[in-house]
N, C-alpha and C. Protein backbone atom coordinates (compact mmCIF):
# COMPACT_ATOMS: atom_id res chain seq x y z
N UNK A 1 118.07 122.65 100.94
CA UNK A 1 119.38 122.05 100.52
C UNK A 1 119.88 121.34 102.10
N UNK A 2 119.93 122.32 102.97
CA UNK A 2 120.54 121.81 104.13
C UNK A 2 119.75 120.50 104.86
N UNK A 3 118.52 120.28 104.40
CA UNK A 3 117.76 119.40 104.91
C UNK A 3 117.74 117.99 104.20
N UNK A 4 118.52 118.27 102.95
CA UNK A 4 118.75 117.20 102.17
C UNK A 4 117.99 117.15 100.77
N UNK A 5 117.25 118.22 100.59
CA UNK A 5 116.58 118.38 99.00
C UNK A 5 117.46 118.75 98.09
N UNK A 6 117.15 118.31 97.03
CA UNK A 6 117.81 118.86 95.64
C UNK A 6 116.79 119.86 95.16
N UNK A 7 117.28 121.12 95.21
CA UNK A 7 116.67 122.37 94.67
C UNK A 7 116.68 122.76 93.22
N UNK A 8 115.65 122.83 92.57
CA UNK A 8 115.68 123.18 91.25
C UNK A 8 114.96 124.44 91.01
N UNK A 9 115.48 125.47 90.33
CA UNK A 9 114.97 126.65 90.01
C UNK A 9 114.25 126.59 88.63
N UNK A 10 113.12 126.76 88.63
CA UNK A 10 111.95 126.72 87.44
C UNK A 10 111.75 128.06 87.04
N UNK A 11 111.65 128.50 85.79
CA UNK A 11 111.22 129.99 85.56
C UNK A 11 110.64 129.83 84.04
N UNK A 12 109.88 130.98 83.97
CA UNK A 12 109.30 130.91 82.32
C UNK A 12 110.32 130.97 81.31
N UNK A 13 111.61 131.80 81.60
CA UNK A 13 112.77 131.88 80.73
C UNK A 13 113.76 131.19 81.23
N UNK A 14 114.81 130.89 80.53
CA UNK A 14 116.12 130.31 80.73
C UNK A 14 116.90 131.74 81.01
N UNK A 15 118.20 131.32 81.76
CA UNK A 15 119.13 132.34 82.20
C UNK A 15 119.16 132.43 83.58
N UNK A 16 118.83 133.68 83.99
CA UNK A 16 118.67 133.94 85.43
C UNK A 16 117.51 134.74 85.79
N UNK A 17 117.01 134.64 87.19
CA UNK A 17 115.89 135.05 87.76
C UNK A 17 116.55 136.17 88.66
N UNK A 18 115.83 137.29 88.60
CA UNK A 18 116.20 138.53 89.62
C UNK A 18 115.46 138.29 91.05
N UNK A 19 116.06 138.22 91.89
CA UNK A 19 115.71 138.35 93.22
C UNK A 19 115.23 139.64 93.71
N UNK A 20 114.43 139.74 94.70
CA UNK A 20 114.35 141.33 95.14
C UNK A 20 113.97 141.24 96.60
N UNK A 21 114.29 142.35 97.22
CA UNK A 21 114.31 142.41 98.42
C UNK A 21 113.32 143.69 98.79
N UNK A 22 112.14 143.44 98.97
CA UNK A 22 110.96 144.23 98.69
C UNK A 22 110.97 144.70 97.45
N UNK A 23 111.06 146.05 97.14
CA UNK A 23 111.12 146.44 95.56
C UNK A 23 112.57 146.82 95.05
N UNK A 24 113.54 146.31 95.86
CA UNK A 24 114.88 146.42 95.49
C UNK A 24 115.62 145.24 94.93
N UNK A 25 116.36 145.39 93.78
CA UNK A 25 116.88 144.19 93.27
C UNK A 25 117.84 143.63 94.25
N UNK A 26 117.74 142.43 94.34
CA UNK A 26 118.75 141.65 95.16
C UNK A 26 119.63 140.76 94.33
N UNK A 27 119.95 139.43 94.83
CA UNK A 27 120.69 138.34 94.22
C UNK A 27 119.86 138.01 92.85
N UNK A 28 120.86 137.30 91.91
CA UNK A 28 120.33 136.64 90.75
C UNK A 28 120.63 135.25 90.83
N UNK A 29 119.77 134.43 90.38
CA UNK A 29 119.72 133.01 90.48
C UNK A 29 119.71 132.24 88.92
N UNK A 30 120.50 131.36 88.91
CA UNK A 30 120.51 130.63 87.64
C UNK A 30 119.36 129.82 87.49
N UNK A 31 118.79 129.92 86.33
CA UNK A 31 117.35 128.97 86.15
C UNK A 31 118.01 127.59 85.73
N UNK A 32 117.49 126.54 86.53
CA UNK A 32 117.80 125.20 86.17
C UNK A 32 117.19 124.54 85.00
N UNK A 33 115.74 125.00 84.86
CA UNK A 33 114.95 124.43 83.84
C UNK A 33 113.83 125.48 83.63
N UNK A 34 113.31 125.46 82.39
CA UNK A 34 112.23 126.36 82.01
C UNK A 34 111.04 125.76 82.50
N UNK A 35 109.84 126.63 82.48
CA UNK A 35 108.54 125.92 82.89
C UNK A 35 107.97 125.01 81.50
N UNK A 36 108.48 125.42 80.53
CA UNK A 36 108.01 124.69 79.29
C UNK A 36 108.43 123.26 79.34
N UNK A 37 109.97 123.03 79.69
CA UNK A 37 110.69 121.70 79.73
C UNK A 37 110.22 120.92 81.23
N UNK A 38 109.67 121.58 82.05
CA UNK A 38 109.67 121.10 83.51
C UNK A 38 108.26 120.03 83.54
N UNK A 39 108.61 118.92 83.99
CA UNK A 39 107.44 118.08 83.93
C UNK A 39 107.16 117.74 85.53
N UNK A 40 105.87 118.06 85.78
CA UNK A 40 105.54 118.02 87.25
C UNK A 40 105.75 116.64 87.79
N UNK A 41 105.59 115.64 87.23
CA UNK A 41 105.72 114.39 87.90
C UNK A 41 107.18 113.98 88.30
N UNK A 42 108.17 114.81 87.88
CA UNK A 42 109.73 114.73 88.24
C UNK A 42 109.92 115.57 89.54
N UNK A 43 108.83 116.09 90.03
CA UNK A 43 109.11 116.88 91.28
C UNK A 43 108.32 116.32 92.62
N UNK A 44 108.98 116.33 93.54
CA UNK A 44 108.28 115.94 94.79
C UNK A 44 107.55 117.15 95.54
N UNK A 45 107.75 118.31 95.46
CA UNK A 45 107.24 119.32 96.30
C UNK A 45 107.52 120.64 95.50
N UNK A 46 106.95 121.87 95.95
CA UNK A 46 107.22 122.94 95.25
C UNK A 46 107.10 124.12 96.21
N UNK A 47 108.09 125.01 96.01
CA UNK A 47 108.09 126.40 96.85
C UNK A 47 107.75 127.45 95.82
N UNK A 48 106.88 128.00 95.97
CA UNK A 48 106.49 129.28 95.26
C UNK A 48 107.01 130.61 95.96
N UNK A 49 107.55 131.25 95.17
CA UNK A 49 108.34 132.56 95.67
C UNK A 49 107.19 133.62 96.11
N UNK A 50 107.74 134.38 97.05
CA UNK A 50 107.17 135.62 97.41
C UNK A 50 107.55 136.88 96.64
N UNK A 51 107.41 137.93 97.28
CA UNK A 51 107.73 139.13 96.79
C UNK A 51 106.53 139.57 95.49
N UNK A 52 106.45 140.88 95.62
CA UNK A 52 105.59 141.45 94.56
C UNK A 52 105.83 141.18 93.11
N UNK A 53 107.07 141.68 92.50
CA UNK A 53 107.37 141.79 91.18
C UNK A 53 107.32 140.27 90.63
N UNK A 54 108.26 139.55 91.12
CA UNK A 54 108.19 138.03 90.52
C UNK A 54 106.81 137.35 90.55
N UNK A 55 106.16 137.54 91.86
CA UNK A 55 104.80 136.65 91.90
C UNK A 55 103.83 137.48 91.12
N UNK A 56 103.85 138.62 90.75
CA UNK A 56 103.01 139.25 89.96
C UNK A 56 102.88 138.70 88.38
N UNK A 57 104.38 138.65 87.83
CA UNK A 57 104.58 138.04 86.73
C UNK A 57 104.23 136.73 86.38
N UNK A 58 104.62 135.88 87.61
CA UNK A 58 104.46 134.42 87.53
C UNK A 58 102.93 134.03 87.48
N UNK A 59 102.05 134.80 88.23
CA UNK A 59 100.69 134.40 88.27
C UNK A 59 99.82 134.52 87.02
N UNK A 60 100.53 135.27 86.02
CA UNK A 60 99.59 135.20 84.75
C UNK A 60 100.19 134.44 83.66
N UNK A 61 101.27 133.77 84.07
CA UNK A 61 102.06 132.89 83.10
C UNK A 61 101.02 131.48 83.09
N UNK A 62 100.77 131.10 82.00
CA UNK A 62 99.88 129.72 81.59
C UNK A 62 100.64 128.70 82.01
N UNK A 63 101.98 128.55 81.76
CA UNK A 63 102.58 127.32 82.09
C UNK A 63 103.04 127.24 83.43
N UNK A 64 103.08 128.20 84.33
CA UNK A 64 103.17 128.13 85.81
C UNK A 64 101.80 127.74 86.42
N UNK A 65 100.74 128.18 85.74
CA UNK A 65 99.29 127.82 86.36
C UNK A 65 99.00 126.37 86.04
N UNK A 66 99.51 125.91 84.78
CA UNK A 66 99.37 124.42 84.38
C UNK A 66 100.40 123.52 85.61
N UNK A 67 101.43 123.93 85.64
CA UNK A 67 102.61 123.29 86.33
C UNK A 67 102.04 123.27 87.94
N UNK A 68 101.50 124.35 88.70
CA UNK A 68 101.18 124.22 89.86
C UNK A 68 99.78 123.45 90.00
N UNK A 69 98.98 123.50 89.04
CA UNK A 69 97.63 122.65 89.03
C UNK A 69 98.02 121.25 89.00
N UNK A 70 99.05 120.65 88.14
CA UNK A 70 99.40 119.27 88.08
C UNK A 70 100.17 118.95 89.26
N UNK A 71 100.72 119.72 89.97
CA UNK A 71 101.62 119.40 91.18
C UNK A 71 100.57 119.06 92.42
N UNK A 72 99.55 120.04 92.38
CA UNK A 72 98.51 119.92 93.31
C UNK A 72 97.66 118.62 93.27
N UNK A 73 97.32 118.44 91.90
CA UNK A 73 96.57 117.30 91.56
C UNK A 73 97.28 115.92 91.88
N UNK A 74 98.50 116.16 91.94
CA UNK A 74 99.26 114.79 92.43
C UNK A 74 99.29 114.78 93.80
N UNK A 75 98.91 115.72 94.47
CA UNK A 75 99.16 115.61 95.99
C UNK A 75 100.42 116.07 96.64
N UNK A 76 101.26 116.57 95.82
CA UNK A 76 102.59 116.97 96.07
C UNK A 76 102.39 118.41 97.08
N UNK A 77 103.34 118.42 98.10
CA UNK A 77 103.30 119.55 98.96
C UNK A 77 103.60 121.01 98.18
N UNK A 78 103.04 121.80 98.63
CA UNK A 78 103.29 123.18 98.04
C UNK A 78 103.42 124.19 99.19
N UNK A 79 104.72 124.79 99.17
CA UNK A 79 105.04 125.76 100.03
C UNK A 79 104.95 127.21 99.50
N UNK A 80 104.36 128.12 100.11
CA UNK A 80 103.89 129.44 99.42
C UNK A 80 104.06 130.49 100.55
N UNK A 81 104.67 131.71 100.18
CA UNK A 81 104.89 132.74 101.11
C UNK A 81 104.69 134.03 100.26
N UNK A 82 104.25 135.09 101.21
CA UNK A 82 104.05 136.41 100.87
C UNK A 82 103.19 136.52 99.71
N UNK A 83 103.56 137.03 98.59
CA UNK A 83 102.66 137.23 97.51
C UNK A 83 102.30 135.97 96.47
N UNK A 84 103.29 134.93 96.69
CA UNK A 84 103.23 133.79 95.93
C UNK A 84 101.66 133.21 95.82
N UNK A 85 100.75 133.42 96.74
CA UNK A 85 99.45 132.76 96.46
C UNK A 85 98.64 133.29 95.36
N UNK A 86 99.24 134.31 94.62
CA UNK A 86 98.41 135.08 93.61
C UNK A 86 98.53 133.93 92.37
N UNK A 87 99.59 132.99 92.35
CA UNK A 87 99.56 132.02 91.30
C UNK A 87 98.66 131.07 91.53
N UNK A 88 98.30 130.48 92.84
CA UNK A 88 97.34 129.85 93.30
C UNK A 88 96.00 129.95 92.99
N UNK A 89 95.67 131.45 93.17
CA UNK A 89 94.51 132.19 92.72
C UNK A 89 94.27 131.93 91.28
N UNK A 90 95.31 132.56 90.48
CA UNK A 90 95.05 132.31 89.07
C UNK A 90 94.85 130.97 88.50
N UNK A 91 95.50 129.98 89.15
CA UNK A 91 95.44 128.56 88.79
C UNK A 91 94.20 127.96 89.30
N UNK A 92 93.15 128.80 89.91
CA UNK A 92 91.89 128.33 90.41
C UNK A 92 91.76 127.14 91.60
N UNK A 93 93.09 127.21 92.44
CA UNK A 93 93.26 126.34 93.39
C UNK A 93 92.98 126.62 94.80
N UNK A 94 92.42 127.95 94.96
CA UNK A 94 92.22 128.37 96.58
C UNK A 94 90.77 128.14 97.00
N UNK A 95 89.86 127.98 96.31
CA UNK A 95 88.36 127.67 96.95
C UNK A 95 88.37 126.89 98.09
N UNK A 96 88.01 127.23 99.27
CA UNK A 96 88.00 126.37 100.35
C UNK A 96 89.22 126.00 101.00
N UNK A 97 90.22 126.40 100.47
CA UNK A 97 91.58 126.22 101.04
C UNK A 97 91.89 127.23 102.25
N UNK A 98 92.68 126.62 103.38
CA UNK A 98 93.10 127.29 104.39
C UNK A 98 94.55 127.92 104.00
N UNK A 99 94.81 129.27 104.23
CA UNK A 99 96.11 129.73 103.92
C UNK A 99 96.31 131.11 104.55
N UNK A 100 97.40 131.55 104.42
CA UNK A 100 97.92 132.99 104.99
C UNK A 100 98.78 133.42 103.65
N UNK A 101 98.94 134.88 103.92
CA UNK A 101 99.91 135.50 102.90
C UNK A 101 100.24 136.87 103.24
N UNK A 102 100.79 137.66 102.40
CA UNK A 102 101.17 139.05 102.71
C UNK A 102 99.68 139.73 102.99
N UNK A 103 99.51 140.65 104.00
CA UNK A 103 98.18 141.04 104.18
C UNK A 103 97.32 141.78 103.22
N UNK A 104 98.25 142.27 102.33
CA UNK A 104 97.37 142.91 101.05
C UNK A 104 96.65 142.15 100.00
N UNK A 105 97.17 140.76 100.28
CA UNK A 105 96.35 139.62 99.47
C UNK A 105 94.99 139.16 100.15
N UNK A 106 94.80 139.30 101.48
CA UNK A 106 93.66 138.98 102.19
C UNK A 106 92.53 139.09 101.28
N UNK A 107 92.05 140.08 100.73
CA UNK A 107 90.89 140.31 99.99
C UNK A 107 90.96 139.56 98.57
N UNK A 108 91.98 139.48 97.89
CA UNK A 108 92.11 138.69 96.89
C UNK A 108 91.81 137.20 97.03
N UNK A 109 92.56 136.67 98.10
CA UNK A 109 92.19 135.25 98.44
C UNK A 109 90.84 134.94 98.97
N UNK A 110 90.21 135.84 99.87
CA UNK A 110 88.94 135.79 100.16
C UNK A 110 88.03 135.88 99.08
N UNK A 111 88.10 136.70 98.14
CA UNK A 111 87.12 136.91 96.99
C UNK A 111 87.37 135.59 95.98
N UNK A 112 88.47 134.99 96.10
CA UNK A 112 88.70 133.79 95.24
C UNK A 112 88.20 132.28 96.01
N UNK A 113 87.89 132.76 97.01
CA UNK A 113 87.13 131.58 97.93
C UNK A 113 88.03 130.69 99.02
N UNK A 114 89.36 131.56 99.35
CA UNK A 114 90.24 130.71 100.26
C UNK A 114 89.56 131.26 101.63
N UNK A 115 90.01 130.62 102.58
CA UNK A 115 89.83 130.85 103.90
C UNK A 115 91.07 131.55 104.68
N UNK A 116 91.36 132.79 104.60
CA UNK A 116 92.34 133.43 104.82
C UNK A 116 92.66 133.60 106.39
N UNK A 117 93.78 133.38 106.93
CA UNK A 117 93.98 133.67 108.28
C UNK A 117 95.37 134.55 108.39
N UNK A 118 95.49 135.59 109.39
CA UNK A 118 96.61 136.33 109.68
C UNK A 118 97.36 135.58 110.66
N UNK A 119 98.38 134.78 110.27
CA UNK A 119 99.22 133.72 111.12
C UNK A 119 100.44 133.60 110.49
N UNK A 120 101.43 133.42 111.34
CA UNK A 120 102.81 133.15 110.88
C UNK A 120 102.99 132.08 109.74
N UNK A 121 102.26 131.08 110.05
CA UNK A 121 102.39 130.03 109.30
C UNK A 121 100.90 129.27 109.34
N UNK A 122 100.57 128.72 108.10
CA UNK A 122 99.20 127.95 108.05
C UNK A 122 99.48 126.65 107.37
N UNK A 123 99.33 125.58 107.93
CA UNK A 123 99.46 124.05 107.30
C UNK A 123 98.24 123.57 107.19
N UNK A 124 97.80 123.16 105.93
CA UNK A 124 96.53 122.76 105.54
C UNK A 124 96.78 121.69 104.40
N UNK A 125 96.46 120.41 104.83
CA UNK A 125 96.54 119.21 103.95
C UNK A 125 98.17 119.31 103.21
N UNK A 126 98.10 119.54 102.06
CA UNK A 126 99.52 119.30 101.33
C UNK A 126 100.05 120.82 101.13
N UNK A 127 99.40 121.80 101.68
CA UNK A 127 99.96 123.26 101.44
C UNK A 127 100.46 123.75 103.10
N UNK A 128 101.67 124.48 102.88
CA UNK A 128 102.06 125.42 104.08
C UNK A 128 102.35 126.64 103.36
N UNK A 129 101.68 127.57 104.27
CA UNK A 129 101.78 129.14 103.69
C UNK A 129 102.42 130.06 104.87
N UNK A 130 102.82 131.12 104.38
CA UNK A 130 103.44 132.14 105.46
C UNK A 130 103.25 133.55 104.83
N UNK A 131 103.37 134.60 105.79
CA UNK A 131 103.19 135.93 105.35
C UNK A 131 104.34 136.72 104.88
N UNK A 132 105.44 136.56 105.64
CA UNK A 132 106.44 137.61 105.35
C UNK A 132 107.75 137.12 105.63
N UNK A 133 108.83 137.77 105.07
CA UNK A 133 109.92 137.47 105.59
C UNK A 133 110.28 137.33 107.18
N UNK A 134 109.77 138.02 107.89
CA UNK A 134 109.61 137.80 109.50
C UNK A 134 109.39 136.62 109.99
N UNK A 135 108.52 135.81 109.16
CA UNK A 135 107.96 134.62 109.59
C UNK A 135 108.93 133.22 109.05
N UNK A 136 109.87 133.64 108.26
CA UNK A 136 110.67 132.57 107.73
C UNK A 136 111.09 131.54 108.81
N UNK A 137 111.49 131.79 109.91
CA UNK A 137 112.03 130.67 110.66
C UNK A 137 110.94 129.56 111.05
N UNK A 138 109.78 130.09 111.35
CA UNK A 138 108.47 129.25 111.56
C UNK A 138 108.01 128.56 110.17
N UNK A 139 108.13 129.33 109.19
CA UNK A 139 107.64 128.78 107.73
C UNK A 139 108.62 127.62 107.32
N UNK A 140 110.09 128.05 107.44
CA UNK A 140 111.07 127.13 107.03
C UNK A 140 110.73 125.67 107.65
N UNK A 141 110.70 125.88 108.97
CA UNK A 141 110.47 124.46 109.83
C UNK A 141 109.13 123.71 109.24
N UNK A 142 108.08 124.47 109.17
CA UNK A 142 106.96 123.77 108.64
C UNK A 142 107.09 123.24 107.32
N UNK A 143 107.74 124.05 106.48
CA UNK A 143 108.02 123.41 105.17
C UNK A 143 108.84 122.12 105.11
N UNK A 144 109.95 122.17 105.94
CA UNK A 144 110.89 120.93 106.01
C UNK A 144 110.16 119.75 106.50
N UNK A 145 109.35 120.18 107.36
CA UNK A 145 108.60 119.01 108.12
C UNK A 145 107.39 118.45 107.18
N UNK A 146 106.87 119.22 106.49
CA UNK A 146 105.89 118.75 105.39
C UNK A 146 106.67 117.97 104.25
N UNK A 147 107.68 118.53 103.83
CA UNK A 147 108.17 117.90 102.81
C UNK A 147 109.01 116.51 103.21
N UNK A 148 109.47 116.51 104.44
CA UNK A 148 110.06 115.05 105.07
C UNK A 148 108.88 114.21 105.28
N UNK A 149 107.79 114.63 105.68
CA UNK A 149 106.59 113.71 105.81
C UNK A 149 106.15 113.05 104.52
N UNK A 150 106.16 113.71 103.44
CA UNK A 150 105.64 113.26 102.25
C UNK A 150 106.84 112.19 101.75
N UNK A 151 108.08 112.76 101.81
CA UNK A 151 109.29 111.73 101.44
C UNK A 151 109.23 110.40 102.44
N UNK A 152 108.86 110.39 103.58
CA UNK A 152 108.43 109.32 104.48
C UNK A 152 107.20 108.32 104.03
N UNK A 153 106.18 109.06 103.57
CA UNK A 153 104.90 108.53 103.36
C UNK A 153 104.37 109.01 102.15
N UNK A 154 104.59 108.63 100.87
CA UNK A 154 104.26 109.42 99.74
C UNK A 154 102.50 109.62 99.64
N UNK A 155 102.27 110.80 99.26
CA UNK A 155 100.83 110.89 99.26
C UNK A 155 99.98 110.28 97.96
N UNK A 156 98.74 110.17 98.16
CA UNK A 156 97.95 109.62 96.94
C UNK A 156 97.52 110.55 96.10
N UNK A 157 97.56 110.25 94.93
CA UNK A 157 97.09 111.59 93.88
C UNK A 157 95.54 112.11 94.14
N UNK A 158 95.45 113.35 93.94
CA UNK A 158 94.15 113.60 94.06
C UNK A 158 93.12 113.29 93.26
N UNK A 159 91.90 113.18 93.33
CA UNK A 159 90.67 113.06 92.33
C UNK A 159 90.85 114.33 91.39
N UNK A 160 90.61 114.38 90.30
CA UNK A 160 90.78 115.41 89.19
C UNK A 160 89.71 116.54 89.73
N UNK A 161 88.70 116.35 90.48
CA UNK A 161 87.66 117.21 90.71
C UNK A 161 88.01 117.56 92.21
N UNK A 162 88.74 117.11 92.87
CA UNK A 162 89.07 117.36 94.31
C UNK A 162 90.01 118.71 94.52
N UNK A 163 89.71 119.33 95.43
CA UNK A 163 90.75 120.31 96.02
C UNK A 163 91.57 120.19 97.26
N UNK A 164 91.19 119.05 97.88
CA UNK A 164 91.79 118.92 99.08
C UNK A 164 92.71 117.51 99.13
N UNK A 165 93.62 117.15 99.83
CA UNK A 165 94.41 115.99 99.89
C UNK A 165 94.73 115.93 101.36
N UNK A 166 94.72 114.63 101.90
CA UNK A 166 95.15 114.65 103.24
C UNK A 166 96.45 113.99 103.47
N UNK A 167 97.31 114.50 104.27
CA UNK A 167 98.55 113.85 104.46
C UNK A 167 98.75 113.55 106.00
């Protein structure tokens, strides 16, 4: 929001989402829109949350998988941190993609066909990924830069069978 974006929290259910700091409950946030009502074409970019608990629940949600597939197919930027790539794995989007994550996801990502790197931040086409909260300054800067580039020069939609987009 500080960089000028309008942020919308989308979740499987209406109400509030519970944030976590590691495994401890943290802040709660109002849900602006449910996945059932969210139309991917109404969004310019997506930030997938990290953390074990919420990311684990989100990855098995069919509506979340559909949403992120359509966002990616449109060539929109996807920013993802920590355990967030689980959703990208379950949506079938990681084969051949370069990204990073929380270290315990390395084998999940490699087994799903991703090219995993232990780095603060990885920028690859329309994705930017990061490992953990300690990496947030670098991740936030890369995410804002990616989102701003797309705002200045819209991406071309991906072909249905393509997994990569150039920006």
